[in-house]
Amino acid sequence: MRLKRKFQKTHLTRPRKGGAAKRRRQSDQKKRLVALGMNEDHVQKMSPREVLTLLKYPLKIKSENE
């Protein structure tokens, strides 16, 4: 009985995201909030989760700042 190809494949794990890439993403997200009109000092004090929740709905940010 022959082993089929799907049983001969090695199991690969996905590479984890690196720390430098994570910091780059977070800084880009903060720059986006500043570009939308938020105060830069206020954005720097925010947690990464807060930044993400604000970026989900950018129209609300623009309407609040106007």
N, C-alpha and C. Protein backbone atom coordinates (compact mmCIF):
# COMPACT_ATOMS: atom_id res chain seq x y z
N MET A 1 0.83 -1.17 0.00
CA MET A 1 0.00 0.00 0.00
C MET A 1 0.89 1.25 0.00
N ARG A 2 0.59 2.17 -0.87
CA ARG A 2 1.41 3.36 -1.07
C ARG A 2 0.92 4.51 -0.17
N LEU A 3 1.87 5.30 0.36
CA LEU A 3 1.50 6.48 1.13
C LEU A 3 1.22 7.62 0.16
N LYS A 4 0.11 8.28 0.35
CA LYS A 4 -0.24 9.40 -0.54
C LYS A 4 0.51 10.65 -0.12
N ARG A 5 0.54 11.60 -1.02
CA ARG A 5 1.32 12.82 -0.82
C ARG A 5 0.87 13.60 0.41
N LYS A 6 -0.41 13.63 0.70
CA LYS A 6 -0.87 14.44 1.83
C LYS A 6 -0.37 13.90 3.16
N PHE A 7 0.02 12.65 3.22
CA PHE A 7 0.56 12.08 4.45
C PHE A 7 2.08 12.23 4.54
N GLN A 8 2.73 12.57 3.43
CA GLN A 8 4.18 12.72 3.42
C GLN A 8 4.63 14.15 3.68
N LYS A 9 3.73 15.10 3.61
CA LYS A 9 4.10 16.50 3.80
C LYS A 9 4.53 16.75 5.24
N THR A 10 5.52 17.60 5.40
CA THR A 10 5.93 17.95 6.74
C THR A 10 5.03 19.05 7.27
N HIS A 11 4.82 19.07 8.57
CA HIS A 11 3.98 20.09 9.18
C HIS A 11 4.81 21.34 9.43
N LEU A 12 4.38 22.43 8.87
CA LEU A 12 5.09 23.69 9.02
C LEU A 12 4.32 24.59 9.97
N THR A 13 5.04 25.32 10.78
CA THR A 13 4.39 26.31 11.63
C THR A 13 4.56 27.67 11.00
N ARG A 14 3.57 28.51 11.20
CA ARG A 14 3.65 29.85 10.65
C ARG A 14 4.66 30.67 11.44
N PRO A 15 5.40 31.54 10.77
CA PRO A 15 6.36 32.38 11.50
C PRO A 15 5.62 33.40 12.37
N ARG A 16 6.16 33.65 13.55
CA ARG A 16 5.55 34.63 14.44
C ARG A 16 5.92 36.03 13.99
N LYS A 17 5.07 36.97 14.34
CA LYS A 17 5.36 38.36 14.01
C LYS A 17 6.47 38.86 14.92
N GLY A 18 7.38 39.61 14.37
CA GLY A 18 8.51 40.09 15.14
C GLY A 18 8.17 41.34 15.93
N GLY A 19 8.97 41.63 16.92
CA GLY A 19 8.75 42.80 17.76
C GLY A 19 8.95 44.11 17.02
N ALA A 20 9.94 44.15 16.13
CA ALA A 20 10.20 45.38 15.38
C ALA A 20 9.03 45.70 14.45
N ALA A 21 8.46 44.67 13.83
CA ALA A 21 7.33 44.89 12.94
C ALA A 21 6.11 45.38 13.72
N LYS A 22 5.95 44.85 14.94
CA LYS A 22 4.82 45.27 15.78
C LYS A 22 4.97 46.75 16.17
N ARG A 23 6.18 47.15 16.57
CA ARG A 23 6.40 48.55 16.94
C ARG A 23 6.20 49.46 15.74
N ARG A 24 6.61 49.02 14.56
CA ARG A 24 6.43 49.82 13.36
C ARG A 24 4.95 49.99 13.05
N ARG A 25 4.17 48.91 13.17
CA ARG A 25 2.74 49.00 12.93
C ARG A 25 2.07 49.96 13.91
N GLN A 26 2.44 49.85 15.19
CA GLN A 26 1.82 50.71 16.20
C GLN A 26 2.18 52.17 15.98
N SER A 27 3.42 52.46 15.59
CA SER A 27 3.79 53.85 15.34
C SER A 27 3.08 54.38 14.10
N ASP A 28 2.90 53.54 13.08
CA ASP A 28 2.15 53.97 11.89
C ASP A 28 0.70 54.28 12.24
N GLN A 29 0.11 53.48 13.11
CA GLN A 29 -1.27 53.71 13.51
C GLN A 29 -1.40 55.01 14.29
N LYS A 30 -0.43 55.31 15.14
CA LYS A 30 -0.47 56.57 15.88
C LYS A 30 -0.30 57.76 14.94
N LYS A 31 0.54 57.60 13.92
CA LYS A 31 0.71 58.67 12.93
C LYS A 31 -0.59 58.91 12.16
N ARG A 32 -1.33 57.83 11.90
CA ARG A 32 -2.62 57.99 11.21
C ARG A 32 -3.60 58.79 12.05
N LEU A 33 -3.63 58.53 13.37
CA LEU A 33 -4.53 59.29 14.23
C LEU A 33 -4.15 60.76 14.26
N VAL A 34 -2.86 61.06 14.29
CA VAL A 34 -2.42 62.46 14.28
C VAL A 34 -2.81 63.10 12.95
N ALA A 35 -2.68 62.36 11.86
CA ALA A 35 -3.07 62.89 10.54
C ALA A 35 -4.56 63.15 10.46
N LEU A 36 -5.35 62.39 11.21
CA LEU A 36 -6.80 62.60 11.22
C LEU A 36 -7.19 63.82 12.06
N GLY A 37 -6.24 64.37 12.81
CA GLY A 37 -6.51 65.61 13.52
C GLY A 37 -6.50 65.50 15.03
N MET A 38 -6.09 64.39 15.59
CA MET A 38 -6.04 64.26 17.04
C MET A 38 -4.76 64.91 17.58
N ASN A 39 -4.80 65.28 18.86
CA ASN A 39 -3.66 65.89 19.52
C ASN A 39 -2.55 64.85 19.68
N GLU A 40 -1.33 65.23 19.30
CA GLU A 40 -0.22 64.27 19.31
C GLU A 40 0.14 63.81 20.72
N ASP A 41 0.08 64.73 21.70
CA ASP A 41 0.39 64.34 23.08
C ASP A 41 -0.63 63.35 23.62
N HIS A 42 -1.89 63.56 23.26
CA HIS A 42 -2.95 62.65 23.71
C HIS A 42 -2.79 61.28 23.08
N VAL A 43 -2.39 61.24 21.82
CA VAL A 43 -2.23 59.96 21.11
C VAL A 43 -1.07 59.17 21.69
N GLN A 44 0.02 59.85 22.07
CA GLN A 44 1.19 59.14 22.61
C GLN A 44 0.90 58.47 23.94
N LYS A 45 -0.06 58.98 24.70
CA LYS A 45 -0.40 58.41 26.01
C LYS A 45 -1.38 57.24 25.90
N MET A 46 -1.97 57.04 24.72
CA MET A 46 -2.98 56.01 24.55
C MET A 46 -2.35 54.63 24.45
N SER A 47 -3.12 53.61 24.86
CA SER A 47 -2.66 52.22 24.71
C SER A 47 -2.87 51.78 23.26
N PRO A 48 -2.15 50.75 22.83
CA PRO A 48 -2.33 50.26 21.45
C PRO A 48 -3.76 49.81 21.16
N ARG A 49 -4.44 49.25 22.15
CA ARG A 49 -5.83 48.80 21.93
C ARG A 49 -6.76 49.99 21.70
N GLU A 50 -6.54 51.08 22.44
CA GLU A 50 -7.36 52.28 22.25
C GLU A 50 -7.13 52.87 20.87
N VAL A 51 -5.89 52.85 20.41
CA VAL A 51 -5.57 53.38 19.08
C VAL A 51 -6.30 52.57 18.02
N LEU A 52 -6.30 51.25 18.16
CA LEU A 52 -6.98 50.40 17.17
C LEU A 52 -8.48 50.64 17.15
N THR A 53 -9.09 50.80 18.33
CA THR A 53 -10.54 51.01 18.35
C THR A 53 -10.91 52.35 17.72
N LEU A 54 -10.06 53.37 17.89
CA LEU A 54 -10.35 54.65 17.25
C LEU A 54 -10.17 54.58 15.74
N LEU A 55 -9.21 53.79 15.27
CA LEU A 55 -8.98 53.70 13.83
C LEU A 55 -10.05 52.89 13.11
N LYS A 56 -10.86 52.16 13.85
CA LYS A 56 -11.93 51.39 13.20
C LYS A 56 -12.95 52.31 12.55
N TYR A 57 -13.20 53.46 13.18
CA TYR A 57 -14.21 54.38 12.68
C TYR A 57 -13.61 55.78 12.52
N PRO A 58 -12.83 56.01 11.47
CA PRO A 58 -12.14 57.30 11.33
C PRO A 58 -13.09 58.48 11.08
N LEU A 59 -14.28 58.24 10.56
CA LEU A 59 -15.21 59.34 10.34
C LEU A 59 -15.65 59.96 11.66
N LYS A 60 -15.76 59.16 12.71
CA LYS A 60 -16.15 59.69 14.02
C LYS A 60 -15.06 60.59 14.59
N ILE A 61 -13.81 60.26 14.32
CA ILE A 61 -12.70 61.07 14.80
C ILE A 61 -12.72 62.43 14.14
N LYS A 62 -12.95 62.44 12.82
CA LYS A 62 -12.98 63.71 12.10
C LYS A 62 -14.14 64.59 12.56
N SER A 63 -15.30 63.97 12.81
CA SER A 63 -16.46 64.76 13.22
C SER A 63 -16.29 65.31 14.63
N GLU A 64 -15.60 64.58 15.51
CA GLU A 64 -15.38 65.05 16.88
C GLU A 64 -14.41 66.22 16.91
N ASN A 65 -13.41 66.21 16.03
CA ASN A 65 -12.39 67.25 16.05
C ASN A 65 -12.82 68.52 15.33
N GLU A 66 -13.87 68.48 14.57
CA GLU A 66 -14.30 69.67 13.82
C GLU A 66 -15.19 70.56 14.64
